Full PDB file with SEQRES, HELIX, SHEET, SSBOND, CRYST1, ORIGX, SCALE, CONECT and MASTER records, all heavy atoms in Angstrom:
SEQRES   1 A   40  GLU THR ARG LEU ILE PRO GLN ALA GLY TYR ARG LEU HIS          
SEQRES   2 A   40  THR VAL ASP MET ILE PRO PHE ASP PRO ALA LEU GLY ALA          
SEQRES   3 A   40  ARG ARG TYR LEU LEU PRO ALA ALA LEU MET LYS SER GLY          
SEQRES   4 A   40  ALA                                                          
HELIX    1 AA1 LEU A    4  GLN A    7  1                                   4    
HELIX    2 AA2 PRO A   22  LEU A   30  5                                   9    
HELIX    3 AA3 LEU A   31  GLY A   39  1                                   9    
CRYST1    1.000    1.000    1.000  90.00  90.00  90.00 P 1           1          
ORIGX1      1.000000  0.000000  0.000000        0.00000                         
ORIGX2      0.000000  1.000000  0.000000        0.00000                         
ORIGX3      0.000000  0.000000  1.000000        0.00000                         
SCALE1      1.000000  0.000000  0.000000        0.00000                         
SCALE2      0.000000  1.000000  0.000000        0.00000                         
SCALE3      0.000000  0.000000  1.000000        0.00000                         
ATOM      1  N   GLU A   1     100.335  80.351  98.379  1.00  0.00           N  
ATOM      2  CA  GLU A   1     101.301  80.960  97.484  1.00  0.00           C  
ATOM      3  C   GLU A   1     102.247  81.936  98.186  1.00  0.00           C  
ATOM      4  O   GLU A   1     103.367  82.143  97.737  1.00  0.00           O  
ATOM      5  CB  GLU A   1     100.596  81.647  96.303  1.00  0.00           C  
ATOM      6  CG  GLU A   1      99.695  82.809  96.657  1.00  0.00           C  
ATOM      7  CD  GLU A   1      98.249  82.432  96.909  1.00  0.00           C  
ATOM      8  OE1 GLU A   1      97.960  81.263  97.215  1.00  0.00           O  
ATOM      9  OE2 GLU A   1      97.398  83.323  96.815  1.00  0.00           O  
ATOM     10  N   THR A   2     101.796  82.523  99.304  1.00  0.00           N  
ATOM     11  CA  THR A   2     102.665  83.483 100.004  1.00  0.00           C  
ATOM     12  C   THR A   2     103.943  82.828 100.509  1.00  0.00           C  
ATOM     13  O   THR A   2     104.963  83.483 100.653  1.00  0.00           O  
ATOM     14  CB  THR A   2     101.934  84.139 101.192  1.00  0.00           C  
ATOM     15  OG1 THR A   2     101.519  83.129 102.103  1.00  0.00           O  
ATOM     16  CG2 THR A   2     100.757  84.957 100.735  1.00  0.00           C  
ATOM     17  N   ARG A   3     103.885  81.531 100.739  1.00  0.00           N  
ATOM     18  CA  ARG A   3     105.057  80.793 101.202  1.00  0.00           C  
ATOM     19  C   ARG A   3     105.713  80.014 100.063  1.00  0.00           C  
ATOM     20  O   ARG A   3     106.929  80.046  99.890  1.00  0.00           O  
ATOM     21  CB  ARG A   3     104.638  79.833 102.325  1.00  0.00           C  
ATOM     22  CG  ARG A   3     105.772  79.052 102.940  1.00  0.00           C  
ATOM     23  CD  ARG A   3     105.309  78.208 104.121  1.00  0.00           C  
ATOM     24  NE  ARG A   3     104.069  77.486 103.919  1.00  0.00           N  
ATOM     25  CZ  ARG A   3     103.985  76.281 103.338  1.00  0.00           C  
ATOM     26  NH1 ARG A   3     105.054  75.678 102.910  1.00  0.00           N  
ATOM     27  NH2 ARG A   3     102.821  75.686 103.211  1.00  0.00           N  
ATOM     28  N   LEU A   4     104.901  79.331  99.262  1.00  0.00           N  
ATOM     29  CA  LEU A   4     105.438  78.423  98.251  1.00  0.00           C  
ATOM     30  C   LEU A   4     106.128  79.117  97.079  1.00  0.00           C  
ATOM     31  O   LEU A   4     107.171  78.659  96.613  1.00  0.00           O  
ATOM     32  CB  LEU A   4     104.325  77.513  97.725  1.00  0.00           C  
ATOM     33  CG  LEU A   4     103.683  76.598  98.768  1.00  0.00           C  
ATOM     34  CD1 LEU A   4     102.536  75.816  98.138  1.00  0.00           C  
ATOM     35  CD2 LEU A   4     104.704  75.667  99.374  1.00  0.00           C  
ATOM     36  N   ILE A   5     105.564  80.201  96.591  1.00  0.00           N  
ATOM     37  CA  ILE A   5     106.143  80.876  95.424  1.00  0.00           C  
ATOM     38  C   ILE A   5     107.505  81.491  95.742  1.00  0.00           C  
ATOM     39  O   ILE A   5     108.465  81.255  95.011  1.00  0.00           O  
ATOM     40  CB  ILE A   5     105.135  81.879  94.817  1.00  0.00           C  
ATOM     41  CG1 ILE A   5     104.001  81.081  94.159  1.00  0.00           C  
ATOM     42  CG2 ILE A   5     105.813  82.818  93.826  1.00  0.00           C  
ATOM     43  CD1 ILE A   5     102.849  81.913  93.668  1.00  0.00           C  
ATOM     44  N   PRO A   6     107.633  82.250  96.829  1.00  0.00           N  
ATOM     45  CA  PRO A   6     108.977  82.762  97.156  1.00  0.00           C  
ATOM     46  C   PRO A   6     109.994  81.644  97.435  1.00  0.00           C  
ATOM     47  O   PRO A   6     111.160  81.762  97.059  1.00  0.00           O  
ATOM     48  CB  PRO A   6     108.752  83.629  98.397  1.00  0.00           C  
ATOM     49  CG  PRO A   6     107.321  84.040  98.297  1.00  0.00           C  
ATOM     50  CD  PRO A   6     106.618  82.849  97.686  1.00  0.00           C  
ATOM     51  N   GLN A   7     109.550  80.554  98.068  1.00  0.00           N  
ATOM     52  CA  GLN A   7     110.454  79.427  98.315  1.00  0.00           C  
ATOM     53  C   GLN A   7     110.971  78.833  97.011  1.00  0.00           C  
ATOM     54  O   GLN A   7     112.083  78.326  96.949  1.00  0.00           O  
ATOM     55  CB  GLN A   7     109.757  78.329  99.122  1.00  0.00           C  
ATOM     56  CG  GLN A   7     109.655  78.604 100.591  1.00  0.00           C  
ATOM     57  CD  GLN A   7     108.907  77.496 101.336  1.00  0.00           C  
ATOM     58  OE1 GLN A   7     108.398  76.544 100.746  1.00  0.00           O  
ATOM     59  NE2 GLN A   7     108.837  77.632 102.650  1.00  0.00           N  
ATOM     60  N   ALA A   8     110.158  78.902  95.954  1.00  0.00           N  
ATOM     61  CA  ALA A   8     110.560  78.371  94.654  1.00  0.00           C  
ATOM     62  C   ALA A   8     111.439  79.362  93.882  1.00  0.00           C  
ATOM     63  O   ALA A   8     111.882  79.064  92.784  1.00  0.00           O  
ATOM     64  CB  ALA A   8     109.331  78.002  93.831  1.00  0.00           C  
ATOM     65  N   GLY A   9     111.650  80.545  94.463  1.00  0.00           N  
ATOM     66  CA  GLY A   9     112.531  81.522  93.836  1.00  0.00           C  
ATOM     67  C   GLY A   9     111.848  82.524  92.921  1.00  0.00           C  
ATOM     68  O   GLY A   9     112.509  83.227  92.170  1.00  0.00           O  
ATOM     69  N   TYR A  10     110.518  82.599  92.985  1.00  0.00           N  
ATOM     70  CA  TYR A  10     109.785  83.546  92.154  1.00  0.00           C  
ATOM     71  C   TYR A  10     109.218  84.669  93.002  1.00  0.00           C  
ATOM     72  O   TYR A  10     108.940  84.506  94.193  1.00  0.00           O  
ATOM     73  CB  TYR A  10     108.621  82.856  91.423  1.00  0.00           C  
ATOM     74  CG  TYR A  10     109.073  81.850  90.400  1.00  0.00           C  
ATOM     75  CD1 TYR A  10     109.089  80.489  90.712  1.00  0.00           C  
ATOM     76  CD2 TYR A  10     109.480  82.245  89.141  1.00  0.00           C  
ATOM     77  CE1 TYR A  10     109.503  79.557  89.778  1.00  0.00           C  
ATOM     78  CE2 TYR A  10     109.893  81.316  88.202  1.00  0.00           C  
ATOM     79  CZ  TYR A  10     109.907  79.983  88.524  1.00  0.00           C  
ATOM     80  OH  TYR A  10     110.321  79.059  87.607  1.00  0.00           O  
ATOM     81  N   ARG A  11     108.991  85.808  92.365  1.00  0.00           N  
ATOM     82  CA  ARG A  11     108.355  86.932  93.035  1.00  0.00           C  
ATOM     83  C   ARG A  11     106.837  86.741  92.984  1.00  0.00           C  
ATOM     84  O   ARG A  11     106.286  86.370  91.940  1.00  0.00           O  
ATOM     85  CB  ARG A  11     108.731  88.238  92.339  1.00  0.00           C  
ATOM     86  CG  ARG A  11     108.052  89.432  92.958  1.00  0.00           C  
ATOM     87  CD  ARG A  11     108.465  90.726  92.302  1.00  0.00           C  
ATOM     88  NE  ARG A  11     107.669  91.807  92.857  1.00  0.00           N  
ATOM     89  CZ  ARG A  11     107.540  92.977  92.294  1.00  0.00           C  
ATOM     90  NH1 ARG A  11     108.183  93.242  91.166  1.00  0.00           N  
ATOM     91  NH2 ARG A  11     106.795  93.901  92.832  1.00  0.00           N  
ATOM     92  N   LEU A  12     106.183  87.026  94.080  1.00  0.00           N  
ATOM     93  CA  LEU A  12     104.726  86.963  94.134  1.00  0.00           C  
ATOM     94  C   LEU A  12     104.173  88.380  94.149  1.00  0.00           C  
ATOM     95  O   LEU A  12     104.519  89.181  95.014  1.00  0.00           O  
ATOM     96  CB  LEU A  12     104.254  86.222  95.390  1.00  0.00           C  
ATOM     97  CG  LEU A  12     102.743  86.207  95.617  1.00  0.00           C  
ATOM     98  CD1 LEU A  12     102.045  85.400  94.524  1.00  0.00           C  
ATOM     99  CD2 LEU A  12     102.412  85.653  96.991  1.00  0.00           C  
ATOM    100  N   HIS A  13     103.329  88.690  93.189  1.00  0.00           N  
ATOM    101  CA  HIS A  13     102.599  89.955  93.157  1.00  0.00           C  
ATOM    102  C   HIS A  13     101.252  89.676  93.811  1.00  0.00           C  
ATOM    103  O   HIS A  13     100.547  88.748  93.390  1.00  0.00           O  
ATOM    104  CB  HIS A  13     102.388  90.430  91.721  1.00  0.00           C  
ATOM    105  CG  HIS A  13     103.650  90.630  90.962  1.00  0.00           C  
ATOM    106  ND1 HIS A  13     104.341  91.821  90.963  1.00  0.00           N  
ATOM    107  CD2 HIS A  13     104.363  89.785  90.194  1.00  0.00           C  
ATOM    108  CE1 HIS A  13     105.411  91.703  90.210  1.00  0.00           C  
ATOM    109  NE2 HIS A  13     105.447  90.466  89.725  1.00  0.00           N  
ATOM    110  N   THR A  14     100.887  90.437  94.807  1.00  0.00           N  
ATOM    111  CA  THR A  14      99.621  90.164  95.504  1.00  0.00           C  
ATOM    112  C   THR A  14      98.542  91.156  95.087  1.00  0.00           C  
ATOM    113  O   THR A  14      98.816  92.307  94.773  1.00  0.00           O  
ATOM    114  CB  THR A  14      99.794  90.200  97.032  1.00  0.00           C  
ATOM    115  OG1 THR A  14     100.290  91.468  97.422  1.00  0.00           O  
ATOM    116  CG2 THR A  14     100.740  89.102  97.493  1.00  0.00           C  
ATOM    117  N   VAL A  15      97.313  90.650  95.088  1.00  0.00           N  
ATOM    118  CA  VAL A  15      96.135  91.455  94.792  1.00  0.00           C  
ATOM    119  C   VAL A  15      95.108  91.221  95.895  1.00  0.00           C  
ATOM    120  O   VAL A  15      95.152  90.236  96.614  1.00  0.00           O  
ATOM    121  CB  VAL A  15      95.531  91.111  93.410  1.00  0.00           C  
ATOM    122  CG1 VAL A  15      96.500  91.454  92.291  1.00  0.00           C  
ATOM    123  CG2 VAL A  15      95.101  89.663  93.322  1.00  0.00           C  
ATOM    124  N   ASP A  16      94.177  92.161  96.004  1.00  0.00           N  
ATOM    125  CA  ASP A  16      93.101  92.067  96.997  1.00  0.00           C  
ATOM    126  C   ASP A  16      91.917  91.370  96.357  1.00  0.00           C  
ATOM    127  O   ASP A  16      91.267  91.933  95.480  1.00  0.00           O  
ATOM    128  CB  ASP A  16      92.683  93.468  97.458  1.00  0.00           C  
ATOM    129  CG  ASP A  16      93.842  94.257  98.034  1.00  0.00           C  
ATOM    130  OD1 ASP A  16      94.641  93.664  98.769  1.00  0.00           O  
ATOM    131  OD2 ASP A  16      93.955  95.461  97.737  1.00  0.00           O  
ATOM    132  N   MET A  17      91.655  90.152  96.762  1.00  0.00           N  
ATOM    133  CA  MET A  17      90.546  89.385  96.190  1.00  0.00           C  
ATOM    134  C   MET A  17      89.923  88.537  97.276  1.00  0.00           C  
ATOM    135  O   MET A  17      90.610  88.095  98.198  1.00  0.00           O  
ATOM    136  CB  MET A  17      91.064  88.502  95.044  1.00  0.00           C  
ATOM    137  CG  MET A  17      90.001  87.761  94.286  1.00  0.00           C  
ATOM    138  SD  MET A  17      88.746  88.883  93.626  1.00  0.00           S  
ATOM    139  CE  MET A  17      87.532  87.725  93.051  1.00  0.00           C  
ATOM    140  N   ILE A  18      88.626  88.309  97.158  1.00  0.00           N  
ATOM    141  CA  ILE A  18      87.937  87.421  98.093  1.00  0.00           C  
ATOM    142  C   ILE A  18      87.572  86.142  97.339  1.00  0.00           C  
ATOM    143  O   ILE A  18      87.435  86.158  96.118  1.00  0.00           O  
ATOM    144  CB  ILE A  18      86.686  88.092  98.718  1.00  0.00           C  
ATOM    145  CG1 ILE A  18      85.676  88.507  97.645  1.00  0.00           C  
ATOM    146  CG2 ILE A  18      87.086  89.285  99.565  1.00  0.00           C  
ATOM    147  CD1 ILE A  18      84.379  89.061  98.207  1.00  0.00           C  
ATOM    148  N   PRO A  19      87.415  85.042  98.053  1.00  0.00           N  
ATOM    149  CA  PRO A  19      87.095  83.768  97.381  1.00  0.00           C  
ATOM    150  C   PRO A  19      85.721  83.784  96.706  1.00  0.00           C  
ATOM    151  O   PRO A  19      84.835  84.521  97.102  1.00  0.00           O  
ATOM    152  CB  PRO A  19      87.100  82.746  98.526  1.00  0.00           C  
ATOM    153  CG  PRO A  19      87.799  83.398  99.652  1.00  0.00           C  
ATOM    154  CD  PRO A  19      87.611  84.877  99.486  1.00  0.00           C  
ATOM    155  N   PHE A  20      85.579  82.936  95.698  1.00  0.00           N  
ATOM    156  CA  PHE A  20      84.288  82.693  95.044  1.00  0.00           C  
ATOM    157  C   PHE A  20      83.585  81.628  95.882  1.00  0.00           C  
ATOM    158  O   PHE A  20      83.489  80.484  95.486  1.00  0.00           O  
ATOM    159  CB  PHE A  20      84.517  82.137  93.637  1.00  0.00           C  
ATOM    160  CG  PHE A  20      84.883  83.154  92.593  1.00  0.00           C  
ATOM    161  CD1 PHE A  20      86.030  83.912  92.697  1.00  0.00           C  
ATOM    162  CD2 PHE A  20      84.062  83.331  91.493  1.00  0.00           C  
ATOM    163  CE1 PHE A  20      86.358  84.827  91.731  1.00  0.00           C  
ATOM    164  CE2 PHE A  20      84.390  84.246  90.507  1.00  0.00           C  
ATOM    165  CZ  PHE A  20      85.542  85.002  90.634  1.00  0.00           C  
ATOM    166  N   ASP A  21      83.104  81.989  97.044  1.00  0.00           N  
ATOM    167  CA  ASP A  21      82.591  80.999  97.976  1.00  0.00           C  
ATOM    168  C   ASP A  21      81.209  81.392  98.490  1.00  0.00           C  
ATOM    169  O   ASP A  21      81.073  82.435  99.136  1.00  0.00           O  
ATOM    170  CB  ASP A  21      83.573  80.865  99.142  1.00  0.00           C  
ATOM    171  CG  ASP A  21      83.235  79.728 100.083  1.00  0.00           C  
ATOM    172  OD1 ASP A  21      82.166  79.101  99.936  1.00  0.00           O  
ATOM    173  OD2 ASP A  21      84.053  79.458 100.970  1.00  0.00           O  
ATOM    174  N   PRO A  22      80.183  80.576  98.234  1.00  0.00           N  
ATOM    175  CA  PRO A  22      78.845  80.891  98.727  1.00  0.00           C  
ATOM    176  C   PRO A  22      78.784  80.977 100.249  1.00  0.00           C  
ATOM    177  O   PRO A  22      77.905  81.624 100.802  1.00  0.00           O  
ATOM    178  CB  PRO A  22      77.981  79.730  98.226  1.00  0.00           C  
ATOM    179  CG  PRO A  22      78.755  79.058  97.157  1.00  0.00           C  
ATOM    180  CD  PRO A  22      80.196  79.347  97.429  1.00  0.00           C  
ATOM    181  N   ALA A  23      79.736  80.368 100.937  1.00  0.00           N  
ATOM    182  CA  ALA A  23      79.746  80.400 102.399  1.00  0.00           C  
ATOM    183  C   ALA A  23      80.095  81.786 102.947  1.00  0.00           C  
ATOM    184  O   ALA A  23      80.042  82.009 104.148  1.00  0.00           O  
ATOM    185  CB  ALA A  23      80.738  79.365 102.941  1.00  0.00           C  
ATOM    186  N   LEU A  24      80.432  82.721 102.087  1.00  0.00           N  
ATOM    187  CA  LEU A  24      80.744  84.077 102.532  1.00  0.00           C  
ATOM    188  C   LEU A  24      79.511  84.801 103.066  1.00  0.00           C  
ATOM    189  O   LEU A  24      79.644  85.849 103.685  1.00  0.00           O  
ATOM    190  CB  LEU A  24      81.330  84.894 101.380  1.00  0.00           C  
ATOM    191  CG  LEU A  24      82.738  84.575 100.957  1.00  0.00           C  
ATOM    192  CD1 LEU A  24      83.095  85.359  99.704  1.00  0.00           C  
ATOM    193  CD2 LEU A  24      83.721  84.877 102.065  1.00  0.00           C  
ATOM    194  N   GLY A  25      78.348  84.263 102.798  1.00  0.00           N  
ATOM    195  CA  GLY A  25      77.130  84.918 103.244  1.00  0.00           C  
ATOM    196  C   GLY A  25      76.940  86.238 102.513  1.00  0.00           C  
ATOM    197  O   GLY A  25      77.160  86.338 101.307  1.00  0.00           O  
ATOM    198  N   ALA A  26      76.584  87.285 103.246  1.00  0.00           N  
ATOM    199  CA  ALA A  26      76.329  88.592 102.643  1.00  0.00           C  
ATOM    200  C   ALA A  26      77.579  89.191 102.014  1.00  0.00           C  
ATOM    201  O   ALA A  26      77.481  90.002 101.089  1.00  0.00           O  
ATOM    202  CB  ALA A  26      75.758  89.540 103.687  1.00  0.00           C  
ATOM    203  N   ARG A  27      78.762  88.784 102.470  1.00  0.00           N  
ATOM    204  CA  ARG A  27      80.021  89.303 101.892  1.00  0.00           C  
ATOM    205  C   ARG A  27      80.167  88.928 100.419  1.00  0.00           C  
ATOM    206  O   ARG A  27      80.914  89.575  99.691  1.00  0.00           O  
ATOM    207  CB  ARG A  27      81.237  88.776 102.662  1.00  0.00           C  
ATOM    208  CG  ARG A  27      81.479  89.521 103.945  1.00  0.00           C  
ATOM    209  CD  ARG A  27      82.818  89.202 104.560  1.00  0.00           C  
ATOM    210  NE  ARG A  27      83.911  89.514 103.648  1.00  0.00           N  
ATOM    211  CZ  ARG A  27      85.025  88.796 103.555  1.00  0.00           C  
ATOM    212  NH1 ARG A  27      85.199  87.738 104.296  1.00  0.00           N  
ATOM    213  NH2 ARG A  27      85.969  89.140 102.719  1.00  0.00           N  
ATOM    214  N   ARG A  28      79.439  87.920  99.960  1.00  0.00           N  
ATOM    215  CA  ARG A  28      79.567  87.525  98.551  1.00  0.00           C  
ATOM    216  C   ARG A  28      79.090  88.635  97.616  1.00  0.00           C  
ATOM    217  O   ARG A  28      79.470  88.678  96.460  1.00  0.00           O  
ATOM    218  CB  ARG A  28      78.850  86.211  98.274  1.00  0.00           C  
ATOM    219  CG  ARG A  28      77.357  86.281  98.272  1.00  0.00           C  
ATOM    220  CD  ARG A  28      76.755  84.910  97.956  1.00  0.00           C  
ATOM    221  NE  ARG A  28      75.329  84.929  98.002  1.00  0.00           N  
ATOM    222  CZ  ARG A  28      74.595  84.695  99.077  1.00  0.00           C  
ATOM    223  NH1 ARG A  28      75.178  84.403 100.217  1.00  0.00           N  
ATOM    224  NH2 ARG A  28      73.286  84.749  99.024  1.00  0.00           N  
ATOM    225  N   TYR A  29      78.287  89.558  98.117  1.00  0.00           N  
ATOM    226  CA  TYR A  29      77.834  90.673  97.294  1.00  0.00           C  
ATOM    227  C   TYR A  29      78.951  91.682  97.040  1.00  0.00           C  
ATOM    228  O   TYR A  29      78.825  92.552  96.191  1.00  0.00           O  
ATOM    229  CB  TYR A  29      76.613  91.344  97.926  1.00  0.00           C  
ATOM    230  CG  TYR A  29      75.435  90.397  97.987  1.00  0.00           C  
ATOM    231  CD1 TYR A  29      74.988  89.902  99.195  1.00  0.00           C  
ATOM    232  CD2 TYR A  29      74.809  89.964  96.824  1.00  0.00           C  
ATOM    233  CE1 TYR A  29      73.934  88.997  99.253  1.00  0.00           C  
ATOM    234  CE2 TYR A  29      73.751  89.059  96.864  1.00  0.00           C  
ATOM    235  CZ  TYR A  29      73.324  88.587  98.084  1.00  0.00           C  
ATOM    236  OH  TYR A  29      72.289  87.687  98.131  1.00  0.00           O  
ATOM    237  N   LEU A  30      80.047  91.555  97.763  1.00  0.00           N  
ATOM    238  CA  LEU A  30      81.224  92.403  97.547  1.00  0.00           C  
ATOM    239  C   LEU A  30      82.086  91.877  96.402  1.00  0.00           C  
ATOM    240  O   LEU A  30      83.007  92.556  95.958  1.00  0.00           O  
ATOM    241  CB  LEU A  30      82.069  92.478  98.825  1.00  0.00           C  
ATOM    242  CG  LEU A  30      81.390  93.051 100.064  1.00  0.00           C  
ATOM    243  CD1 LEU A  30      82.307  92.941 101.265  1.00  0.00           C  
ATOM    244  CD2 LEU A  30      80.992  94.499  99.814  1.00  0.00           C  
ATOM    245  N   LEU A  31      81.809  90.668  95.941  1.00  0.00           N  
ATOM    246  CA  LEU A  31      82.635  90.020  94.927  1.00  0.00           C  
ATOM    247  C   LEU A  31      82.809  90.849  93.650  1.00  0.00           C  
ATOM    248  O   LEU A  31      83.941  91.000  93.178  1.00  0.00           O  
ATOM    249  CB  LEU A  31      82.098  88.629  94.606  1.00  0.00           C  
ATOM    250  CG  LEU A  31      82.942  87.789  93.661  1.00  0.00           C  
ATOM    251  CD1 LEU A  31      84.331  87.554  94.228  1.00  0.00           C  
ATOM    252  CD2 LEU A  31      82.268  86.466  93.390  1.00  0.00           C  
ATOM    253  N   PRO A  32      81.747  91.421  93.056  1.00  0.00           N  
ATOM    254  CA  PRO A  32      81.969  92.202  91.833  1.00  0.00           C  
ATOM    255  C   PRO A  32      82.940  93.367  92.030  1.00  0.00           C  
ATOM    256  O   PRO A  32      83.827  93.590  91.207  1.00  0.00           O  
ATOM    257  CB  PRO A  32      80.568  92.698  91.454  1.00  0.00           C  
ATOM    258  CG  PRO A  32      79.644  91.691  92.061  1.00  0.00           C  
ATOM    259  CD  PRO A  32      80.310  91.288  93.362  1.00  0.00           C  
ATOM    260  N   ALA A  33      82.794  94.102  93.139  1.00  0.00           N  
ATOM    261  CA  ALA A  33      83.699  95.226  93.403  1.00  0.00           C  
ATOM    262  C   ALA A  33      85.122  94.723  93.658  1.00  0.00           C  
ATOM    263  O   ALA A  33      86.093  95.314  93.171  1.00  0.00           O  
ATOM    264  CB  ALA A  33      83.201  96.045  94.593  1.00  0.00           C  
ATOM    265  N   ALA A  34      85.247  93.630  94.409  1.00  0.00           N  
ATOM    266  CA  ALA A  34      86.576  93.070  94.674  1.00  0.00           C  
ATOM    267  C   ALA A  34      87.224  92.581  93.386  1.00  0.00           C  
ATOM    268  O   ALA A  34      88.435  92.756  93.183  1.00  0.00           O  
ATOM    269  CB  ALA A  34      86.473  91.921  95.680  1.00  0.00           C  
ATOM    270  N   LEU A  35      86.437  92.008  92.492  1.00  0.00           N  
ATOM    271  CA  LEU A  35      86.961  91.518  91.224  1.00  0.00           C  
ATOM    272  C   LEU A  35      87.435  92.675  90.343  1.00  0.00           C  
ATOM    273  O   LEU A  35      88.489  92.588  89.707  1.00  0.00           O  
ATOM    274  CB  LEU A  35      85.911  90.679  90.501  1.00  0.00           C  
ATOM    275  CG  LEU A  35      86.362  90.001  89.218  1.00  0.00           C  
ATOM    276  CD1 LEU A  35      87.558  89.081  89.456  1.00  0.00           C  
ATOM    277  CD2 LEU A  35      85.206  89.217  88.624  1.00  0.00           C  
ATOM    278  N   MET A  36      86.692  93.759  90.308  1.00  0.00           N  
ATOM    279  CA  MET A  36      87.117  94.918  89.516  1.00  0.00           C  
ATOM    280  C   MET A  36      88.392  95.540  90.100  1.00  0.00           C  
ATOM    281  O   MET A  36      89.302  95.908  89.359  1.00  0.00           O  
ATOM    282  CB  MET A  36      86.003  95.958  89.432  1.00  0.00           C  
ATOM    283  CG  MET A  36      84.815  95.491  88.606  1.00  0.00           C  
ATOM    284  SD  MET A  36      85.252  94.846  86.969  1.00  0.00           S  
ATOM    285  CE  MET A  36      85.908  96.295  86.196  1.00  0.00           C  
ATOM    286  N   LYS A  37      88.458  95.640  91.422  1.00  0.00           N  
ATOM    287  CA  LYS A  37      89.655  96.208  92.064  1.00  0.00           C  
ATOM    288  C   LYS A  37      90.874  95.323  91.799  1.00  0.00           C  
ATOM    289  O   LYS A  37      91.925  95.810  91.387  1.00  0.00           O  
ATOM    290  CB  LYS A  37      89.429  96.344  93.575  1.00  0.00           C  
ATOM    291  CG  LYS A  37      90.632  96.879  94.304  1.00  0.00           C  
ATOM    292  CD  LYS A  37      90.388  96.991  95.792  1.00  0.00           C  
ATOM    293  CE  LYS A  37      91.633  97.503  96.507  1.00  0.00           C  
ATOM    294  NZ  LYS A  37      91.440  97.567  97.954  1.00  0.00           N  
ATOM    295  N   SER A  38      90.724  94.031  92.031  1.00  0.00           N  
ATOM    296  CA  SER A  38      91.860  93.131  91.828  1.00  0.00           C  
ATOM    297  C   SER A  38      92.200  92.990  90.346  1.00  0.00           C  
ATOM    298  O   SER A  38      93.367  92.814  89.982  1.00  0.00           O  
ATOM    299  CB  SER A  38      91.598  91.764  92.465  1.00  0.00           C  
ATOM    300  OG  SER A  38      90.441  91.173  91.921  1.00  0.00           O  
ATOM    301  N   GLY A  39      91.197  93.098  89.473  1.00  0.00           N  
ATOM    302  CA  GLY A  39      91.453  93.090  88.035  1.00  0.00           C  
ATOM    303  C   GLY A  39      92.299  94.288  87.628  1.00  0.00           C  
ATOM    304  O   GLY A  39      93.237  94.170  86.830  1.00  0.00           O  
ATOM    305  N   ALA A  40      91.976  95.463  88.186  1.00  0.00           N  
ATOM    306  CA  ALA A  40      92.774  96.667  87.907  1.00  0.00           C  
ATOM    307  C   ALA A  40      94.194  96.509  88.456  1.00  0.00           C  
ATOM    308  O   ALA A  40      95.161  96.939  87.824  1.00  0.00           O  
ATOM    309  CB  ALA A  40      92.089  97.894  88.498  1.00  0.00           C  
TER     310      ALA A  40                                                      
MASTER        0    0    0    3    0    0    0    6  309    1    0    4          
END                                                                             
C-alpha cells in the first residue's frame, strides 16, 4: 500500500501494526499491545 495507494492518487494514513502471523514466534505476544496502539 505504501506504493500503490499514493500511485492511485489517494493519501495513505499509516499505523504501527504487526502481522497476525504465528511465524512471529515470541513477538506474537506483542500483538495485543500493537493492536491497541494501532487502534488508537
